[in-house]
C-alpha atoms as a PDB file:
ATOM      1  CA  UNK A   1      15.112  27.668  11.123  1.00  0.00           C
ATOM      2  CA  UNK A   2      12.807  28.832  13.877  1.00  0.00           C
ATOM      3  CA  UNK A   3      11.429  25.830  15.745  1.00  0.00           C
ATOM      4  CA  UNK A   4       7.727  26.068  16.585  1.00  0.00           C
ATOM      5  CA  UNK A   5       4.608  23.928  16.808  1.00  0.00           C
ATOM      6  CA  UNK A   6       3.683  22.363  13.464  1.00  0.00           C
ATOM      7  CA  UNK A   7       0.159  23.426  12.493  1.00  0.00           C
ATOM      8  CA  UNK A   8      -0.198  22.463   8.830  1.00  0.00           C
ATOM      9  CA  UNK A   9       1.146  20.260   6.075  1.00  0.00           C
ATOM     10  CA  UNK A  10       3.535  22.908   4.713  1.00  0.00           C
ATOM     11  CA  UNK A  11       5.148  23.354   8.136  1.00  0.00           C
ATOM     12  CA  UNK A  12       5.322  19.567   8.503  1.00  0.00           C
ATOM     13  CA  UNK A  13       7.114  19.246   5.141  1.00  0.00           C
ATOM     14  CA  UNK A  14       9.525  22.059   6.037  1.00  0.00           C
ATOM     15  CA  UNK A  15      10.365  20.460   9.400  1.00  0.00           C
ATOM     16  CA  UNK A  16      10.875  17.052   7.775  1.00  0.00           C
ATOM     17  CA  UNK A  17      13.129  18.615   5.142  1.00  0.00           C
ATOM     18  CA  UNK A  18      15.164  20.388   7.842  1.00  0.00           C
ATOM     19  CA  UNK A  19      15.663  17.101   9.719  1.00  0.00           C
ATOM     20  CA  UNK A  20      16.852  15.525   6.472  1.00  0.00           C
ATOM     21  CA  UNK A  21      19.259  18.416   5.891  1.00  0.00           C
ATOM     22  CA  UNK A  22      20.653  18.151   9.419  1.00  0.00           C
ATOM     23  CA  UNK A  23      21.229  14.426   9.067  1.00  0.00           C
ATOM     24  CA  UNK A  24      22.919  14.732   5.669  1.00  0.00           C
ATOM     25  CA  UNK A  25      24.721  18.071   6.086  1.00  0.00           C
ATOM     26  CA  UNK A  26      28.027  16.819   7.463  1.00  0.00           C
ATOM     27  CA  UNK A  27      30.291  13.855   7.078  1.00  0.00           C
ATOM     28  CA  UNK A  28      30.773  13.997  10.848  1.00  0.00           C
ATOM     29  CA  UNK A  29      28.015  12.813  13.197  1.00  0.00           C
ATOM     30  CA  UNK A  30      26.017  15.427  15.051  1.00  0.00           C
ATOM     31  CA  UNK A  31      27.387  15.699  18.554  1.00  0.00           C
ATOM     32  CA  UNK A  32      24.996  15.396  21.509  1.00  0.00           C
ATOM     33  CA  UNK A  33      24.360  18.771  23.117  1.00  0.00           C
ATOM     34  CA  UNK A  34      25.236  20.732  19.973  1.00  0.00           C
ATOM     35  CA  UNK A  35      22.794  23.276  18.584  1.00  0.00           C
ATOM     36  CA  UNK A  36      22.185  20.966  15.596  1.00  0.00           C
ATOM     37  CA  UNK A  37      21.388  18.032  17.901  1.00  0.00           C
ATOM     38  CA  UNK A  38      18.987  20.154  19.952  1.00  0.00           C
ATOM     39  CA  UNK A  39      17.280  21.468  16.816  1.00  0.00           C
ATOM     40  CA  UNK A  40      16.940  17.968  15.368  1.00  0.00           C
ATOM     41  CA  UNK A  41      15.543  16.589  18.632  1.00  0.00           C
ATOM     42  CA  UNK A  42      12.948  19.365  18.909  1.00  0.00           C
ATOM     43  CA  UNK A  43      11.937  19.027  15.269  1.00  0.00           C
ATOM     44  CA  UNK A  44      11.663  15.245  15.627  1.00  0.00           C
ATOM     45  CA  UNK A  45       9.350  15.597  18.619  1.00  0.00           C
ATOM     46  CA  UNK A  46       7.170  18.096  16.766  1.00  0.00           C
ATOM     47  CA  UNK A  47       7.053  15.978  13.593  1.00  0.00           C
ATOM     48  CA  UNK A  48       6.131  12.880  15.610  1.00  0.00           C
ATOM     49  CA  UNK A  49       3.336  14.778  17.390  1.00  0.00           C
ATOM     50  CA  UNK A  50       1.963  16.050  14.066  1.00  0.00           C
ATOM     51  CA  UNK A  51       2.092  12.559  12.538  1.00  0.00           C
ATOM     52  CA  UNK A  52       0.296  10.990  15.534  1.00  0.00           C
ATOM     53  CA  UNK A  53      -2.496  13.554  15.207  1.00  0.00           C
ATOM     54  CA  UNK A  54      -2.822  13.610  11.413  1.00  0.00           C
ATOM     55  CA  UNK A  55      -1.702  10.149  10.315  1.00  0.00           C
ATOM     56  CA  UNK A  56      -2.922   7.732  12.990  1.00  0.00           C
ATOM     57  CA  UNK A  57      -2.131   4.072  12.495  1.00  0.00           C
ATOM     58  CA  UNK A  58      -5.073   1.799  13.177  1.00  0.00           C
ATOM     59  CA  UNK A  59      -4.657  -1.632  14.660  1.00  0.00           C
ATOM     60  CA  UNK A  60      -4.660  -4.307  11.975  1.00  0.00           C
ATOM     61  CA  UNK A  61      -7.467  -6.781  11.555  1.00  0.00           C
ATOM     62  CA  UNK A  62      -6.720  -9.655  13.980  1.00  0.00           C
ATOM     63  CA  UNK A  63      -6.871 -12.318  11.282  1.00  0.00           C
ATOM     64  CA  UNK A  64      -4.557 -10.313   9.035  1.00  0.00           C
ATOM     65  CA  UNK A  65      -2.165  -9.974  11.994  1.00  0.00           C
ATOM     66  CA  UNK A  66      -2.185 -13.763  12.447  1.00  0.00           C
ATOM     67  CA  UNK A  67      -1.615 -14.388   8.734  1.00  0.00           C
ATOM     68  CA  UNK A  68       1.185 -11.823   8.639  1.00  0.00           C
ATOM     69  CA  UNK A  69       2.931 -13.449  11.618  1.00  0.00           C
ATOM     70  CA  UNK A  70       2.483 -16.900  10.093  1.00  0.00           C
ATOM     71  CA  UNK A  71       4.148 -15.639   6.924  1.00  0.00           C
ATOM     72  CA  UNK A  72       6.997 -14.049   8.906  1.00  0.00           C
ATOM     73  CA  UNK A  73       7.628 -17.298  10.777  1.00  0.00           C
ATOM     74  CA  UNK A  74       7.028 -19.487   7.719  1.00  0.00           C
ATOM     75  CA  UNK A  75       4.174 -21.333   9.455  1.00  0.00           C
ATOM     76  CA  UNK A  76       1.392 -23.422   7.964  1.00  0.00           C
ATOM     77  CA  UNK A  77      -2.105 -23.773   9.381  1.00  0.00           C
ATOM     78  CA  UNK A  78      -1.225 -27.155  10.868  1.00  0.00           C
ATOM     79  CA  UNK A  79       1.645 -25.512  12.802  1.00  0.00           C
ATOM     80  CA  UNK A  80      -0.708 -23.262  14.758  1.00  0.00           C
ATOM     81  CA  UNK A  81      -3.513 -25.824  15.160  1.00  0.00           C
ATOM     82  CA  UNK A  82      -2.627 -26.526  18.818  1.00  0.00           C
ATOM     83  CA  UNK A  83      -2.943 -22.802  19.589  1.00  0.00           C
ATOM     84  CA  UNK A  84      -6.352 -22.492  17.945  1.00  0.00           C
ATOM     85  CA  UNK A  85      -7.914 -25.833  18.800  1.00  0.00           C
ATOM     86  CA  UNK A  86      -7.374 -28.101  15.811  1.00  0.00           C
ATOM     87  CA  UNK A  87      -6.939 -27.998  12.039  1.00  0.00           C
ATOM     88  CA  UNK A  88     -10.631 -27.421  11.313  1.00  0.00           C
ATOM     89  CA  UNK A  89     -10.863 -24.579  13.806  1.00  0.00           C
ATOM     90  CA  UNK A  90      -7.769 -22.889  12.321  1.00  0.00           C
ATOM     91  CA  UNK A  91      -9.430 -22.910   8.929  1.00  0.00           C
ATOM     92  CA  UNK A  92     -12.653 -21.475  10.382  1.00  0.00           C
ATOM     93  CA  UNK A  93     -10.794 -18.724  12.250  1.00  0.00           C
ATOM     94  CA  UNK A  94      -8.590 -17.735   9.304  1.00  0.00           C
ATOM     95  CA  UNK A  95     -11.615 -17.576   7.004  1.00  0.00           C
ATOM     96  CA  UNK A  96     -13.428 -15.432   9.624  1.00  0.00           C
ATOM     97  CA  UNK A  97     -16.182 -17.997  10.102  1.00  0.00           C
ATOM     98  CA  UNK A  98     -15.312 -18.366  13.806  1.00  0.00           C
ATOM     99  CA  UNK A  99     -14.236 -15.551  16.164  1.00  0.00           C
ATOM    100  CA  UNK A 100     -11.094 -15.708  18.244  1.00  0.00           C
ATOM    101  CA  UNK A 101     -11.662 -16.856  21.816  1.00  0.00           C
ATOM    102  CA  UNK A 102      -9.832 -15.401  24.790  1.00  0.00           C
ATOM    103  CA  UNK A 103      -7.774 -18.600  25.064  1.00  0.00           C
ATOM    104  CA  UNK A 104      -6.751 -18.360  21.388  1.00  0.00           C
ATOM    105  CA  UNK A 105      -5.764 -14.708  21.824  1.00  0.00           C
ATOM    106  CA  UNK A 106      -3.617 -15.485  24.860  1.00  0.00           C
ATOM    107  CA  UNK A 107      -1.889 -18.420  23.168  1.00  0.00           C
ATOM    108  CA  UNK A 108      -1.253 -16.520  19.919  1.00  0.00           C
ATOM    109  CA  UNK A 109       0.301 -13.718  21.937  1.00  0.00           C
ATOM    110  CA  UNK A 110       2.388 -16.069  24.090  1.00  0.00           C
ATOM    111  CA  UNK A 111       3.700 -18.406  21.373  1.00  0.00           C
ATOM    112  CA  UNK A 112       3.759 -16.225  18.258  1.00  0.00           C
ATOM    113  CA  UNK A 113       4.359 -12.844  19.875  1.00  0.00           C
ATOM    114  CA  UNK A 114       1.387 -11.201  18.185  1.00  0.00           C
ATOM    115  CA  UNK A 115       0.608  -8.062  20.222  1.00  0.00           C
ATOM    116  CA  UNK A 116      -2.592  -8.308  22.248  1.00  0.00           C
ATOM    117  CA  UNK A 117      -3.662  -4.940  20.802  1.00  0.00           C
ATOM    118  CA  UNK A 118      -3.566  -6.423  17.311  1.00  0.00           C
ATOM    119  CA  UNK A 119      -5.656  -9.412  18.346  1.00  0.00           C
ATOM    120  CA  UNK A 120      -8.211  -7.412  20.338  1.00  0.00           C
ATOM    121  CA  UNK A 121      -8.611  -3.753  19.320  1.00  0.00           C
ATOM    122  CA  UNK A 122      -8.530  -4.414  15.609  1.00  0.00           C
ATOM    123  CA  UNK A 123     -11.588  -6.653  15.899  1.00  0.00           C
ATOM    124  CA  UNK A 124     -14.291  -4.583  14.220  1.00  0.00           C
ATOM    125  CA  UNK A 125     -16.906  -7.314  14.671  1.00  0.00           C
ATOM    126  CA  UNK A 126     -17.249  -6.536  18.392  1.00  0.00           C
ATOM    127  CA  UNK A 127     -19.821  -3.757  18.646  1.00  0.00           C
ATOM    128  CA  UNK A 128     -22.542  -2.497  20.921  1.00  0.00           C
ATOM    129  CA  UNK A 129     -26.059  -2.097  19.658  1.00  0.00           C
ATOM    130  CA  UNK A 130     -26.926   1.619  19.229  1.00  0.00           C
ATOM    131  CA  UNK A 131     -29.206   1.639  22.284  1.00  0.00           C
ATOM    132  CA  UNK A 132     -26.530  -0.104  24.395  1.00  0.00           C
ATOM    133  CA  UNK A 133     -23.878   2.357  23.215  1.00  0.00           C
ATOM    134  CA  UNK A 134     -26.119   5.292  24.109  1.00  0.00           C
ATOM    135  CA  UNK A 135     -26.755   3.804  27.556  1.00  0.00           C
ATOM    136  CA  UNK A 136     -23.054   3.226  28.235  1.00  0.00           C
ATOM    137  CA  UNK A 137     -22.023   6.691  27.018  1.00  0.00           C
ATOM    138  CA  UNK A 138     -24.668   8.294  29.247  1.00  0.00           C
ATOM    139  CA  UNK A 139     -22.672   7.204  32.313  1.00  0.00           C
ATOM    140  CA  UNK A 140     -20.655  10.371  33.071  1.00  0.00           C
ATOM    141  CA  UNK A 141     -17.296   8.752  33.815  1.00  0.00           C
ATOM    142  CA  UNK A 142     -17.489   6.521  30.722  1.00  0.00           C
ATOM    143  CA  UNK A 143     -18.670   9.352  28.484  1.00  0.00           C
ATOM    144  CA  UNK A 144     -15.817  11.601  29.666  1.00  0.00           C
ATOM    145  CA  UNK A 145     -13.254   8.850  29.129  1.00  0.00           C
ATOM    146  CA  UNK A 146     -14.480   8.157  25.589  1.00  0.00           C
ATOM    147  CA  UNK A 147     -14.430  11.882  24.729  1.00  0.00           C
ATOM    148  CA  UNK A 148     -10.856  12.165  26.024  1.00  0.00           C
ATOM    149  CA  UNK A 149      -9.707   9.271  23.811  1.00  0.00           C
ATOM    150  CA  UNK A 150     -11.625  10.144  20.616  1.00  0.00           C
ATOM    151  CA  UNK A 151      -8.495  11.007  18.613  1.00  0.00           C
ATOM    152  CA  UNK A 152      -6.655   7.910  19.796  1.00  0.00           C
ATOM    153  CA  UNK A 153      -9.189   5.232  18.900  1.00  0.00           C
ATOM    154  CA  UNK A 154     -12.580   4.942  17.325  1.00  0.00           C
ATOM    155  CA  UNK A 155     -15.636   3.285  18.787  1.00  0.00           C
ATOM    156  CA  UNK A 156     -18.031   1.547  16.461  1.00  0.00           C
END
């Protein structure tokens, strides 16, 4: 197979199939430095690049991230009350009636290992008013930065 930049879904499927074939072709492992290893490494890099561009993974909703981690660790609301500020506050936060504070975010990250990105960037309730957004984007350095990151994250 000729290795080249993946530009469409058919090429993506063909590259993925070739990786599968390389992995399952022999009973023996692929040796580092072999032509098969080099081909698989190149194809993997190209497939990953295509997936990042065409199948981006958005940060989860912060509350869903907290609930997911609680489930993983078999925690109840009362278990995380000290991190949130009490039993009542936990209930308010988990029902989205109260936003996460900076202190809550830091403590959830520190004690439950929830990534800061999940607790912060997934929060779709934090938005600028249209006139504020226009004002901020009119600053050249900010506008250029936002344009350069458009494919990586979305601004609401």
